[in-house]
Amino acid sequence: MGNEVVSSEFDASVITRDNGAGGQTTNINVQIPQVQKNGLGTAGFVCALVGLFLCWVPILGWVLWLLGAIMSVVGIFRKPKGLAIAGTVISFIDIIALVVIVGGIASLGASLM
């Protein structure tokens, strides 16, 4: 066996092996798959989740819910879709909780008058 040189650039690795005096040189190209990311889907999921926990806070919870819903729906059209779908489902649960809370406050206010 001879000398081995390993170098890597971005998403590919090249291994060069010299087989000795006057022998042949072998180059092996290895492709490393890149991990796909969906930043909008992840951000939408996080905003929707925080908005769900803060839905009782009048302005903050509503703004986080709206941002989470928009980013999750946009993130569904990109790959991977997992967190974007989860963010959309949480946003729908959040809107149900928001309607129940606002309806409860409105009926409580109407019964006091």
PDB file of N, CA and C in Angstrom:
ATOM      1  N   MET A   1       0.838  -1.170   0.000  1.00  0.00           N
ATOM      2  CA  MET A   1       0.000   0.000   0.000  1.00  0.00           C
ATOM      3  C   MET A   1       0.882   1.231   0.000  1.00  0.00           C
ATOM      4  N   GLY A   2       0.323   2.291  -0.528  1.00  0.00           N
ATOM      5  CA  GLY A   2       1.055   3.541  -0.591  1.00  0.00           C
ATOM      6  C   GLY A   2       0.451   4.579   0.332  1.00  0.00           C
ATOM      7  N   ASN A   3       0.598   5.796  -0.074  1.00  0.00           N
ATOM      8  CA  ASN A   3       0.075   6.914   0.718  1.00  0.00           C
ATOM      9  C   ASN A   3      -1.392   7.151   0.386  1.00  0.00           C
ATOM     10  N   GLU A   4      -2.140   7.585   1.397  1.00  0.00           N
ATOM     11  CA  GLU A   4      -3.542   7.940   1.186  1.00  0.00           C
ATOM     12  C   GLU A   4      -3.731   9.398   1.548  1.00  0.00           C
ATOM     13  N   VAL A   5      -4.431  10.130   0.703  1.00  0.00           N
ATOM     14  CA  VAL A   5      -4.742  11.524   0.953  1.00  0.00           C
ATOM     15  C   VAL A   5      -6.264  11.658   0.962  1.00  0.00           C
ATOM     16  N   VAL A   6      -6.795  12.230   2.028  1.00  0.00           N
ATOM     17  CA  VAL A   6      -8.228  12.417   2.136  1.00  0.00           C
ATOM     18  C   VAL A   6      -8.493  13.911   2.205  1.00  0.00           C
ATOM     19  N   SER A   7      -9.342  14.407   1.322  1.00  0.00           N
ATOM     20  CA  SER A   7      -9.734  15.807   1.364  1.00  0.00           C
ATOM     21  C   SER A   7     -11.242  15.878   1.198  1.00  0.00           C
ATOM     22  N   SER A   8     -11.826  16.916   1.762  1.00  0.00           N
ATOM     23  CA  SER A   8     -13.272  17.060   1.624  1.00  0.00           C
ATOM     24  C   SER A   8     -13.614  18.508   1.321  1.00  0.00           C
ATOM     25  N   GLU A   9     -14.601  18.682   0.468  1.00  0.00           N
ATOM     26  CA  GLU A   9     -15.119  19.990   0.120  1.00  0.00           C
ATOM     27  C   GLU A   9     -16.630  19.916   0.147  1.00  0.00           C
ATOM     28  N   PHE A  10     -17.246  20.813   0.849  1.00  0.00           N
ATOM     29  CA  PHE A  10     -18.692  20.970   0.903  1.00  0.00           C
ATOM     30  C   PHE A  10     -19.397  19.639   1.120  1.00  0.00           C
ATOM     31  N   ASP A  11     -19.902  19.000   0.069  1.00  0.00           N
ATOM     32  CA  ASP A  11     -20.700  17.800   0.244  1.00  0.00           C
ATOM     33  C   ASP A  11     -20.081  16.559  -0.404  1.00  0.00           C
ATOM     34  N   ALA A  12     -18.789  16.577  -0.736  1.00  0.00           N
ATOM     35  CA  ALA A  12     -18.156  15.414  -1.346  1.00  0.00           C
ATOM     36  C   ALA A  12     -16.787  15.186  -0.719  1.00  0.00           C
ATOM     37  N   SER A  13     -16.418  13.937  -0.597  1.00  0.00           N
ATOM     38  CA  SER A  13     -15.098  13.582  -0.099  1.00  0.00           C
ATOM     39  C   SER A  13     -14.340  12.873  -1.221  1.00  0.00           C
ATOM     40  N   VAL A  14     -13.050  13.186  -1.332  1.00  0.00           N
ATOM     41  CA  VAL A  14     -12.215  12.563  -2.348  1.00  0.00           C
ATOM     42  C   VAL A  14     -11.083  11.831  -1.639  1.00  0.00           C
ATOM     43  N   ILE A  15     -10.950  10.555  -1.927  1.00  0.00           N
ATOM     44  CA  ILE A  15      -9.874   9.753  -1.354  1.00  0.00           C
ATOM     45  C   ILE A  15      -8.937   9.377  -2.494  1.00  0.00           C
ATOM     46  N   THR A  16      -7.664   9.730  -2.351  1.00  0.00           N
ATOM     47  CA  THR A  16      -6.662   9.424  -3.381  1.00  0.00           C
ATOM     48  C   THR A  16      -5.679   8.426  -2.795  1.00  0.00           C
ATOM     49  N   ARG A  17      -5.445   7.323  -3.507  1.00  0.00           N
ATOM     50  CA  ARG A  17      -4.533   6.300  -3.031  1.00  0.00           C
ATOM     51  C   ARG A  17      -3.467   6.055  -4.102  1.00  0.00           C
ATOM     52  N   ASP A  18      -2.196   6.162  -3.699  1.00  0.00           N
ATOM     53  CA  ASP A  18      -1.074   5.888  -4.600  1.00  0.00           C
ATOM     54  C   ASP A  18      -0.581   4.490  -4.280  1.00  0.00           C
ATOM     55  N   ASN A  19      -0.569   3.600  -5.279  1.00  0.00           N
ATOM     56  CA  ASN A  19      -0.243   2.196  -5.046  1.00  0.00           C
ATOM     57  C   ASN A  19       1.245   1.870  -5.147  1.00  0.00           C
ATOM     58  N   GLY A  20       2.101   2.820  -5.096  1.00  0.00           N
ATOM     59  CA  GLY A  20       3.527   2.529  -5.090  1.00  0.00           C
ATOM     60  C   GLY A  20       4.235   3.074  -6.308  1.00  0.00           C
ATOM     61  N   ALA A  21       5.459   2.598  -6.507  1.00  0.00           N
ATOM     62  CA  ALA A  21       6.322   3.095  -7.575  1.00  0.00           C
ATOM     63  C   ALA A  21       5.790   2.667  -8.938  1.00  0.00           C
ATOM     64  N   GLY A  22       5.388   3.651  -9.718  1.00  0.00           N
ATOM     65  CA  GLY A  22       4.929   3.389 -11.071  1.00  0.00           C
ATOM     66  C   GLY A  22       3.549   2.765 -11.146  1.00  0.00           C
ATOM     67  N   GLY A  23       2.907   2.555 -10.016  1.00  0.00           N
ATOM     68  CA  GLY A  23       1.576   1.953 -10.016  1.00  0.00           C
ATOM     69  C   GLY A  23       0.511   2.983 -10.381  1.00  0.00           C
ATOM     70  N   GLN A  24      -0.692   2.551 -10.352  1.00  0.00           N
ATOM     71  CA  GLN A  24      -1.776   3.457 -10.702  1.00  0.00           C
ATOM     72  C   GLN A  24      -2.304   4.184  -9.457  1.00  0.00           C
ATOM     73  N   THR A  25      -2.928   5.319  -9.711  1.00  0.00           N
ATOM     74  CA  THR A  25      -3.529   6.110  -8.646  1.00  0.00           C
ATOM     75  C   THR A  25      -5.044   5.951  -8.742  1.00  0.00           C
ATOM     76  N   THR A  26      -5.676   5.725  -7.607  1.00  0.00           N
ATOM     77  CA  THR A  26      -7.121   5.514  -7.570  1.00  0.00           C
ATOM     78  C   THR A  26      -7.785   6.687  -6.852  1.00  0.00           C
ATOM     79  N   ASN A  27      -8.767   7.296  -7.483  1.00  0.00           N
ATOM     80  CA  ASN A  27      -9.568   8.360  -6.872  1.00  0.00           C
ATOM     81  C   ASN A  27     -10.964   7.817  -6.610  1.00  0.00           C
ATOM     82  N   ILE A  28     -11.416   8.014  -5.407  1.00  0.00           N
ATOM     83  CA  ILE A  28     -12.754   7.573  -5.033  1.00  0.00           C
ATOM     84  C   ILE A  28     -13.532   8.806  -4.585  1.00  0.00           C
ATOM     85  N   ASN A  29     -14.638   9.097  -5.266  1.00  0.00           N
ATOM     86  CA  ASN A  29     -15.501  10.212  -4.887  1.00  0.00           C
ATOM     87  C   ASN A  29     -16.679   9.670  -4.084  1.00  0.00           C
ATOM     88  N   VAL A  30     -16.872  10.221  -2.904  1.00  0.00           N
ATOM     89  CA  VAL A  30     -17.965   9.814  -2.034  1.00  0.00           C
ATOM     90  C   VAL A  30     -18.892  11.010  -1.843  1.00  0.00           C
ATOM     91  N   GLN A  31     -20.158  10.866  -2.228  1.00  0.00           N
ATOM     92  CA  GLN A  31     -21.137  11.922  -2.056  1.00  0.00           C
ATOM     93  C   GLN A  31     -21.792  11.798  -0.684  1.00  0.00           C
ATOM     94  N   ILE A  32     -21.796  12.896   0.056  1.00  0.00           N
ATOM     95  CA  ILE A  32     -22.435  12.937   1.364  1.00  0.00           C
ATOM     96  C   ILE A  32     -23.766  13.666   1.192  1.00  0.00           C
ATOM     97  N   PRO A  33     -24.880  13.016   1.526  1.00  0.00           N
ATOM     98  CA  PRO A  33     -26.170  13.687   1.334  1.00  0.00           C
ATOM     99  C   PRO A  33     -26.331  14.862   2.294  1.00  0.00           C
ATOM    100  N   GLN A  34     -26.881  15.962   1.770  1.00  0.00           N
ATOM    101  CA  GLN A  34     -27.112  17.127   2.600  1.00  0.00           C
ATOM    102  C   GLN A  34     -28.479  16.999   3.272  1.00  0.00           C
ATOM    103  N   VAL A  35     -28.548  17.448   4.499  1.00  0.00           N
ATOM    104  CA  VAL A  35     -29.796  17.408   5.246  1.00  0.00           C
ATOM    105  C   VAL A  35     -30.648  18.601   4.840  1.00  0.00           C
ATOM    106  N   GLN A  36     -31.887  18.327   4.457  1.00  0.00           N
ATOM    107  CA  GLN A  36     -32.793  19.404   4.081  1.00  0.00           C
ATOM    108  C   GLN A  36     -33.385  20.020   5.337  1.00  0.00           C
ATOM    109  N   LYS A  37     -33.549  21.330   5.310  1.00  0.00           N
ATOM    110  CA  LYS A  37     -34.106  22.049   6.450  1.00  0.00           C
ATOM    111  C   LYS A  37     -35.281  22.891   5.994  1.00  0.00           C
ATOM    112  N   ASN A  38     -36.235  23.044   6.871  1.00  0.00           N
ATOM    113  CA  ASN A  38     -37.411  23.863   6.598  1.00  0.00           C
ATOM    114  C   ASN A  38     -37.518  24.875   7.736  1.00  0.00           C
ATOM    115  N   GLY A  39     -36.833  25.994   7.580  1.00  0.00           N
ATOM    116  CA  GLY A  39     -36.789  27.003   8.626  1.00  0.00           C
ATOM    117  C   GLY A  39     -38.144  27.614   8.918  1.00  0.00           C
ATOM    118  N   LEU A  40     -38.944  27.850   7.877  1.00  0.00           N
ATOM    119  CA  LEU A  40     -40.276  28.423   8.086  1.00  0.00           C
ATOM    120  C   LEU A  40     -41.191  27.450   8.827  1.00  0.00           C
ATOM    121  N   GLY A  41     -41.101  26.191   8.486  1.00  0.00           N
ATOM    122  CA  GLY A  41     -41.920  25.194   9.176  1.00  0.00           C
ATOM    123  C   GLY A  41     -41.547  25.072  10.640  1.00  0.00           C
ATOM    124  N   THR A  42     -40.245  25.098  10.929  1.00  0.00           N
ATOM    125  CA  THR A  42     -39.784  25.023  12.311  1.00  0.00           C
ATOM    126  C   THR A  42     -40.187  26.261  13.094  1.00  0.00           C
ATOM    127  N   ALA A  43     -39.998  27.439  12.502  1.00  0.00           N
ATOM    128  CA  ALA A  43     -40.380  28.684  13.175  1.00  0.00           C
ATOM    129  C   ALA A  43     -41.885  28.748  13.388  1.00  0.00           C
ATOM    130  N   GLY A  44     -42.653  28.288  12.415  1.00  0.00           N
ATOM    131  CA  GLY A  44     -44.104  28.258  12.560  1.00  0.00           C
ATOM    132  C   GLY A  44     -44.548  27.318  13.661  1.00  0.00           C
ATOM    133  N   PHE A  45     -43.893  26.171  13.757  1.00  0.00           N
ATOM    134  CA  PHE A  45     -44.203  25.219  14.819  1.00  0.00           C
ATOM    135  C   PHE A  45     -43.932  25.817  16.190  1.00  0.00           C
ATOM    136  N   VAL A  46     -42.774  26.450  16.346  1.00  0.00           N
ATOM    137  CA  VAL A  46     -42.402  27.045  17.635  1.00  0.00           C
ATOM    138  C   VAL A  46     -43.357  28.178  17.995  1.00  0.00           C
ATOM    139  N   CYS A  47     -43.651  29.058  17.047  1.00  0.00           N
ATOM    140  CA  CYS A  47     -44.578  30.173  17.328  1.00  0.00           C
ATOM    141  C   CYS A  47     -45.971  29.666  17.663  1.00  0.00           C
ATOM    142  N   ALA A  48     -46.442  28.653  16.952  1.00  0.00           N
ATOM    143  CA  ALA A  48     -47.768  28.105  17.232  1.00  0.00           C
ATOM    144  C   ALA A  48     -47.808  27.450  18.604  1.00  0.00           C
ATOM    145  N   LEU A  49     -46.750  26.748  18.972  1.00  0.00           N
ATOM    146  CA  LEU A  49     -46.697  26.084  20.268  1.00  0.00           C
ATOM    147  C   LEU A  49     -46.653  27.098  21.407  1.00  0.00           C
ATOM    148  N   VAL A  50     -45.824  28.120  21.271  1.00  0.00           N
ATOM    149  CA  VAL A  50     -45.760  29.169  22.295  1.00  0.00           C
ATOM    150  C   VAL A  50     -47.082  29.942  22.326  1.00  0.00           C
ATOM    151  N   GLY A  51     -47.667  30.187  21.157  1.00  0.00           N
ATOM    152  CA  GLY A  51     -48.962  30.856  21.094  1.00  0.00           C
ATOM    153  C   GLY A  51     -50.060  30.047  21.762  1.00  0.00           C
ATOM    154  N   LEU A  52     -49.977  28.708  21.691  1.00  0.00           N
ATOM    155  CA  LEU A  52     -50.957  27.855  22.359  1.00  0.00           C
ATOM    156  C   LEU A  52     -50.865  28.004  23.868  1.00  0.00           C
ATOM    157  N   PHE A  53     -49.647  28.052  24.388  1.00  0.00           N
ATOM    158  CA  PHE A  53     -49.476  28.207  25.826  1.00  0.00           C
ATOM    159  C   PHE A  53     -49.806  29.621  26.302  1.00  0.00           C
ATOM    160  N   LEU A  54     -49.685  30.596  25.416  1.00  0.00           N
ATOM    161  CA  LEU A  54     -49.960  31.983  25.791  1.00  0.00           C
ATOM    162  C   LEU A  54     -51.253  32.506  25.183  1.00  0.00           C
ATOM    163  N   CYS A  55     -52.182  31.620  24.818  1.00  0.00           N
ATOM    164  CA  CYS A  55     -53.417  32.073  24.174  1.00  0.00           C
ATOM    165  C   CYS A  55     -54.282  32.895  25.114  1.00  0.00           C
ATOM    166  N   TRP A  56     -54.081  32.795  26.398  1.00  0.00           N
ATOM    167  CA  TRP A  56     -54.865  33.574  27.353  1.00  0.00           C
ATOM    168  C   TRP A  56     -54.331  35.001  27.504  1.00  0.00           C
ATOM    169  N   VAL A  57     -53.127  35.278  27.009  1.00  0.00           N
ATOM    170  CA  VAL A  57     -52.575  36.636  27.037  1.00  0.00           C
ATOM    171  C   VAL A  57     -53.137  37.370  25.822  1.00  0.00           C
ATOM    172  N   PRO A  58     -53.863  38.486  26.017  1.00  0.00           N
ATOM    173  CA  PRO A  58     -54.639  39.091  24.932  1.00  0.00           C
ATOM    174  C   PRO A  58     -53.890  39.379  23.642  1.00  0.00           C
ATOM    175  N   ILE A  59     -52.815  40.097  23.627  1.00  0.00           N
ATOM    176  CA  ILE A  59     -52.204  40.481  22.358  1.00  0.00           C
ATOM    177  C   ILE A  59     -51.056  39.536  21.986  1.00  0.00           C
ATOM    178  N   LEU A  60     -50.214  39.202  22.931  1.00  0.00           N
ATOM    179  CA  LEU A  60     -49.019  38.395  22.655  1.00  0.00           C
ATOM    180  C   LEU A  60     -49.382  37.017  22.105  1.00  0.00           C
ATOM    181  N   GLY A  61     -50.318  36.346  22.748  1.00  0.00           N
ATOM    182  CA  GLY A  61     -50.712  35.013  22.290  1.00  0.00           C
ATOM    183  C   GLY A  61     -51.328  35.038  20.911  1.00  0.00           C
ATOM    184  N   TRP A  62     -52.106  36.081  20.625  1.00  0.00           N
ATOM    185  CA  TRP A  62     -52.775  36.174  19.321  1.00  0.00           C
ATOM    186  C   TRP A  62     -51.779  36.441  18.210  1.00  0.00           C
ATOM    187  N   VAL A  63     -50.803  37.311  18.481  1.00  0.00           N
ATOM    188  CA  VAL A  63     -49.781  37.617  17.471  1.00  0.00           C
ATOM    189  C   VAL A  63     -48.927  36.386  17.198  1.00  0.00           C
ATOM    190  N   LEU A  64     -48.530  35.669  18.261  1.00  0.00           N
ATOM    191  CA  LEU A  64     -47.742  34.453  18.066  1.00  0.00           C
ATOM    192  C   LEU A  64     -48.536  33.393  17.319  1.00  0.00           C
ATOM    193  N   TRP A  65     -49.840  33.296  17.622  1.00  0.00           N
ATOM    194  CA  TRP A  65     -50.667  32.336  16.907  1.00  0.00           C
ATOM    195  C   TRP A  65     -50.722  32.677  15.426  1.00  0.00           C
ATOM    196  N   LEU A  66     -50.949  33.963  15.109  1.00  0.00           N
ATOM    197  CA  LEU A  66     -51.061  34.371  13.713  1.00  0.00           C
ATOM    198  C   LEU A  66     -49.749  34.137  12.956  1.00  0.00           C
ATOM    199  N   LEU A  67     -48.634  34.511  13.571  1.00  0.00           N
ATOM    200  CA  LEU A  67     -47.333  34.270  12.932  1.00  0.00           C
ATOM    201  C   LEU A  67     -47.080  32.777  12.741  1.00  0.00           C
ATOM    202  N   GLY A  68     -47.384  31.990  13.760  1.00  0.00           N
ATOM    203  CA  GLY A  68     -47.198  30.542  13.663  1.00  0.00           C
ATOM    204  C   GLY A  68     -48.054  29.917  12.581  1.00  0.00           C
ATOM    205  N   ALA A  69     -49.300  30.388  12.468  1.00  0.00           N
ATOM    206  CA  ALA A  69     -50.194  29.846  11.443  1.00  0.00           C
ATOM    207  C   ALA A  69     -49.696  30.181  10.045  1.00  0.00           C
ATOM    208  N   ILE A  70     -49.286  31.431   9.842  1.00  0.00           N
ATOM    209  CA  ILE A  70     -48.818  31.843   8.513  1.00  0.00           C
ATOM    210  C   ILE A  70     -47.547  31.101   8.129  1.00  0.00           C
ATOM    211  N   MET A  71     -46.566  31.061   9.038  1.00  0.00           N
ATOM    212  CA  MET A  71     -45.296  30.394   8.710  1.00  0.00           C
ATOM    213  C   MET A  71     -45.474  28.892   8.525  1.00  0.00           C
ATOM    214  N   SER A  72     -46.363  28.277   9.299  1.00  0.00           N
ATOM    215  CA  SER A  72     -46.597  26.836   9.152  1.00  0.00           C
ATOM    216  C   SER A  72     -47.255  26.503   7.824  1.00  0.00           C
ATOM    217  N   VAL A  73     -48.239  27.308   7.421  1.00  0.00           N
ATOM    218  CA  VAL A  73     -48.918  27.048   6.142  1.00  0.00           C
ATOM    219  C   VAL A  73     -47.943  27.247   4.979  1.00  0.00           C
ATOM    220  N   VAL A  74     -47.107  28.269   5.047  1.00  0.00           N
ATOM    221  CA  VAL A  74     -46.109  28.477   3.988  1.00  0.00           C
ATOM    222  C   VAL A  74     -45.081  27.344   4.015  1.00  0.00           C
ATOM    223  N   GLY A  75     -44.705  26.874   5.204  1.00  0.00           N
ATOM    224  CA  GLY A  75     -43.715  25.800   5.333  1.00  0.00           C
ATOM    225  C   GLY A  75     -44.207  24.463   4.828  1.00  0.00           C
ATOM    226  N   ILE A  76     -45.528  24.296   4.700  1.00  0.00           N
ATOM    227  CA  ILE A  76     -46.057  23.027   4.189  1.00  0.00           C
ATOM    228  C   ILE A  76     -45.628  22.803   2.736  1.00  0.00           C
ATOM    229  N   PHE A  77     -45.392  23.869   1.998  1.00  0.00           N
ATOM    230  CA  PHE A  77     -45.032  23.736   0.588  1.00  0.00           C
ATOM    231  C   PHE A  77     -43.540  23.503   0.383  1.00  0.00           C
ATOM    232  N   ARG A  78     -42.794  23.327   1.456  1.00  0.00           N
ATOM    233  CA  ARG A  78     -41.357  23.023   1.372  1.00  0.00           C
ATOM    234  C   ARG A  78     -41.108  21.676   2.024  1.00  0.00           C
ATOM    235  N   LYS A  79     -39.941  21.106   1.757  1.00  0.00           N
ATOM    236  CA  LYS A  79     -39.596  19.812   2.340  1.00  0.00           C
ATOM    237  C   LYS A  79     -38.515  20.000   3.373  1.00  0.00           C
ATOM    238  N   PRO A  80     -38.477  19.291   4.452  1.00  0.00           N
ATOM    239  CA  PRO A  80     -39.432  18.334   4.992  1.00  0.00           C
ATOM    240  C   PRO A  80     -40.635  19.036   5.589  1.00  0.00           C
ATOM    241  N   LYS A  81     -41.763  18.354   5.595  1.00  0.00           N
ATOM    242  CA  LYS A  81     -43.033  18.976   5.959  1.00  0.00           C
ATOM    243  C   LYS A  81     -43.475  18.699   7.391  1.00  0.00           C
ATOM    244  N   GLY A  82     -42.784  17.857   8.128  1.00  0.00           N
ATOM    245  CA  GLY A  82     -43.235  17.376   9.432  1.00  0.00           C
ATOM    246  C   GLY A  82     -43.589  18.462  10.424  1.00  0.00           C
ATOM    247  N   LEU A  83     -42.655  19.344  10.740  1.00  0.00           N
ATOM    248  CA  LEU A  83     -42.926  20.388  11.721  1.00  0.00           C
ATOM    249  C   LEU A  83     -43.914  21.418  11.197  1.00  0.00           C
ATOM    250  N   ALA A  84     -43.939  21.637   9.900  1.00  0.00           N
ATOM    251  CA  ALA A  84     -44.909  22.578   9.327  1.00  0.00           C
ATOM    252  C   ALA A  84     -46.329  22.057   9.490  1.00  0.00           C
ATOM    253  N   ILE A  85     -46.532  20.766   9.270  1.00  0.00           N
ATOM    254  CA  ILE A  85     -47.858  20.174   9.466  1.00  0.00           C
ATOM    255  C   ILE A  85     -48.239  20.221  10.938  1.00  0.00           C
ATOM    256  N   ALA A  86     -47.295  19.907  11.812  1.00  0.00           N
ATOM    257  CA  ALA A  86     -47.564  19.966  13.254  1.00  0.00           C
ATOM    258  C   ALA A  86     -47.906  21.394  13.681  1.00  0.00           C
ATOM    259  N   GLY A  87     -47.205  22.381  13.136  1.00  0.00           N
ATOM    260  CA  GLY A  87     -47.498  23.774  13.452  1.00  0.00           C
ATOM    261  C   GLY A  87     -48.867  24.199  12.968  1.00  0.00           C
ATOM    262  N   THR A  88     -49.288  23.698  11.813  1.00  0.00           N
ATOM    263  CA  THR A  88     -50.622  24.014  11.294  1.00  0.00           C
ATOM    264  C   THR A  88     -51.703  23.401  12.177  1.00  0.00           C
ATOM    265  N   VAL A  89     -51.508  22.158  12.601  1.00  0.00           N
ATOM    266  CA  VAL A  89     -52.482  21.502  13.485  1.00  0.00           C
ATOM    267  C   VAL A  89     -52.567  22.241  14.822  1.00  0.00           C
ATOM    268  N   ILE A  90     -51.417  22.617  15.378  1.00  0.00           N
ATOM    269  CA  ILE A  90     -51.412  23.358  16.639  1.00  0.00           C
ATOM    270  C   ILE A  90     -52.081  24.714  16.456  1.00  0.00           C
ATOM    271  N   SER A  91     -51.908  25.332  15.305  1.00  0.00           N
ATOM    272  CA  SER A  91     -52.563  26.619  15.045  1.00  0.00           C
ATOM    273  C   SER A  91     -54.080  26.475  15.025  1.00  0.00           C
ATOM    274  N   PHE A  92     -54.590  25.381  14.441  1.00  0.00           N
ATOM    275  CA  PHE A  92     -56.031  25.158  14.447  1.00  0.00           C
ATOM    276  C   PHE A  92     -56.546  24.887  15.868  1.00  0.00           C
ATOM    277  N   ILE A  93     -55.781  24.150  16.661  1.00  0.00           N
ATOM    278  CA  ILE A  93     -56.157  23.935  18.060  1.00  0.00           C
ATOM    279  C   ILE A  93     -56.130  25.264  18.810  1.00  0.00           C
ATOM    280  N   ASP A  94     -55.150  26.086  18.492  1.00  0.00           N
ATOM    281  CA  ASP A  94     -55.010  27.390  19.139  1.00  0.00           C
ATOM    282  C   ASP A  94     -56.183  28.308  18.794  1.00  0.00           C
ATOM    283  N   ILE A  95     -56.660  28.285  17.563  1.00  0.00           N
ATOM    284  CA  ILE A  95     -57.795  29.138  17.196  1.00  0.00           C
ATOM    285  C   ILE A  95     -59.067  28.673  17.901  1.00  0.00           C
ATOM    286  N   ILE A  96     -59.219  27.365  18.123  1.00  0.00           N
ATOM    287  CA  ILE A  96     -60.361  26.865  18.879  1.00  0.00           C
ATOM    288  C   ILE A  96     -60.285  27.350  20.327  1.00  0.00           C
ATOM    289  N   ALA A  97     -59.095  27.254  20.932  1.00  0.00           N
ATOM    290  CA  ALA A  97     -58.919  27.739  22.301  1.00  0.00           C
ATOM    291  C   ALA A  97     -59.160  29.245  22.375  1.00  0.00           C
ATOM    292  N   LEU A  98     -58.714  29.971  21.372  1.00  0.00           N
ATOM    293  CA  LEU A  98     -58.902  31.421  21.345  1.00  0.00           C
ATOM    294  C   LEU A  98     -60.383  31.788  21.261  1.00  0.00           C
ATOM    295  N   VAL A  99     -61.139  31.090  20.435  1.00  0.00           N
ATOM    296  CA  VAL A  99     -62.578  31.352  20.305  1.00  0.00           C
ATOM    297  C   VAL A  99     -63.300  31.015  21.613  1.00  0.00           C
ATOM    298  N   VAL A 100     -62.908  29.924  22.258  1.00  0.00           N
ATOM    299  CA  VAL A 100     -63.533  29.543  23.526  1.00  0.00           C
ATOM    300  C   VAL A 100     -63.242  30.581  24.607  1.00  0.00           C
ATOM    301  N   ILE A 101     -62.002  31.040  24.688  1.00  0.00           N
ATOM    302  CA  ILE A 101     -61.634  32.027  25.708  1.00  0.00           C
ATOM    303  C   ILE A 101     -62.345  33.355  25.457  1.00  0.00           C
ATOM    304  N   VAL A 102     -62.318  33.838  24.229  1.00  0.00           N
ATOM    305  CA  VAL A 102     -62.989  35.106  23.911  1.00  0.00           C
ATOM    306  C   VAL A 102     -64.498  34.977  24.112  1.00  0.00           C
ATOM    307  N   GLY A 103     -65.086  33.853  23.714  1.00  0.00           N
ATOM    308  CA  GLY A 103     -66.517  33.623  23.923  1.00  0.00           C
ATOM    309  C   GLY A 103     -66.870  33.556  25.402  1.00  0.00           C
ATOM    310  N   GLY A 104     -66.022  32.909  26.181  1.00  0.00           N
ATOM    311  CA  GLY A 104     -66.255  32.836  27.624  1.00  0.00           C
ATOM    312  C   GLY A 104     -66.184  34.203  28.279  1.00  0.00           C
ATOM    313  N   ILE A 105     -65.214  35.005  27.880  1.00  0.00           N
ATOM    314  CA  ILE A 105     -65.093  36.353  28.433  1.00  0.00           C
ATOM    315  C   ILE A 105     -66.291  37.204  28.012  1.00  0.00           C
ATOM    316  N   ALA A 106     -66.731  37.067  26.763  1.00  0.00           N
ATOM    317  CA  ALA A 106     -67.872  37.851  26.277  1.00  0.00           C
ATOM    318  C   ALA A 106     -69.156  37.436  27.000  1.00  0.00           C
ATOM    319  N   SER A 107     -69.370  36.133  27.206  1.00  0.00           N
ATOM    320  CA  SER A 107     -70.584  35.705  27.901  1.00  0.00           C
ATOM    321  C   SER A 107     -70.529  36.079  29.381  1.00  0.00           C
ATOM    322  N   LEU A 108     -69.357  36.061  29.966  1.00  0.00           N
ATOM    323  CA  LEU A 108     -69.209  36.478  31.350  1.00  0.00           C
ATOM    324  C   LEU A 108     -69.520  37.969  31.477  1.00  0.00           C
ATOM    325  N   GLY A 109     -69.031  38.765  30.548  1.00  0.00           N
ATOM    326  CA  GLY A 109     -69.294  40.199  30.564  1.00  0.00           C
ATOM    327  C   GLY A 109     -70.778  40.507  30.333  1.00  0.00           C
ATOM    328  N   ALA A 110     -71.439  39.718  29.481  1.00  0.00           N
ATOM    329  CA  ALA A 110     -72.855  39.945  29.204  1.00  0.00           C
ATOM    330  C   ALA A 110     -73.719  39.548  30.394  1.00  0.00           C
ATOM    331  N   SER A 111     -73.320  38.515  31.131  1.00  0.00           N
ATOM    332  CA  SER A 111     -74.115  38.083  32.275  1.00  0.00           C
ATOM    333  C   SER A 111     -73.957  39.012  33.477  1.00  0.00           C
ATOM    334  N   LEU A 112     -72.878  39.762  33.530  1.00  0.00           N
ATOM    335  CA  LEU A 112     -72.674  40.704  34.622  1.00  0.00           C
ATOM    336  C   LEU A 112     -73.458  41.995  34.432  1.00  0.00           C
ATOM    337  N   MET A 113     -73.884  42.285  33.230  1.00  0.00           N
ATOM    338  CA  MET A 113     -74.613  43.536  32.978  1.00  0.00           C
ATOM    339  C   MET A 113     -76.064  43.374  33.168  1.00  0.00           C
TER     340      MET A 113
END
